[in-house]
Amino acid sequence: MAYYSNEDLQKLGFRYLGDNVRLSTKASIYGADRIEIGANSRIDDFCVISAGAGGVYIGRNVHVAVMCSIIGAGRIDIGDFCNLSSRVSIYSSSDDYSGEYMTNPTVPDKYTNVNHGHVMLQRHVIVGSGSVILPDLTIGECSAIGALSLVKNSLAPYGVYAGSPLRQIKARSKKLLYLEMEFLNGSTQGV
């Protein structure tokens, strides 16, 4: 995988870039001036990040795997140490499917009824391959979302969730918070 050099990353015009950001040269970035990426984060091939007016914030040590989409006019926050598996889609905007309005961006706004809402993934969230996250919700700290899941409501912290409709399978261990502390303090014992 080929990554942009630090110099080339700066030329893209991001609002903020932390140290050691790795962005694939095959990723598509729209609205870079509304995108922040924290230190040691990695965005892989064929990802699309399109920041609307709300912007996109990606924390430190975040991995966005191949073919993910992070799109919409509302704000999207992806907390520290989150992991998006391949083909995850996060939308902060959604068309009205009722038939009362027209849909798609080729139609003037007065004929549509697009919902825009803040999407927040708190730290240590992991999202399985092929999952879809819709606007106006928060996924609580340390939650895990199974592959091919549809997330359309906020989720409590420390849960393991899966399916469509989404349901909680079990609780997730808090041990990763201790591992984070060790990692940030530079310790390798016990890891």
Foldseek 3Di string as FASTA:
>chain_A
DDWDDPVVVVVVQACEEAAPETEDPQEAEAPRPQEYAYACEYEDHQEYEHEACQGEYHYYCEYHEHNEYHDENHYEYHEAAEYEYHQEYEYQKDWDPPPQADDDPVDDPVRTDMHGAYEYEYPQEYEEANEYEYHHEYEEANEYEYHNEYHDYYHYPQFYWYDVVIDTDGGHDPVVVVVVVCVVVPHPPPD
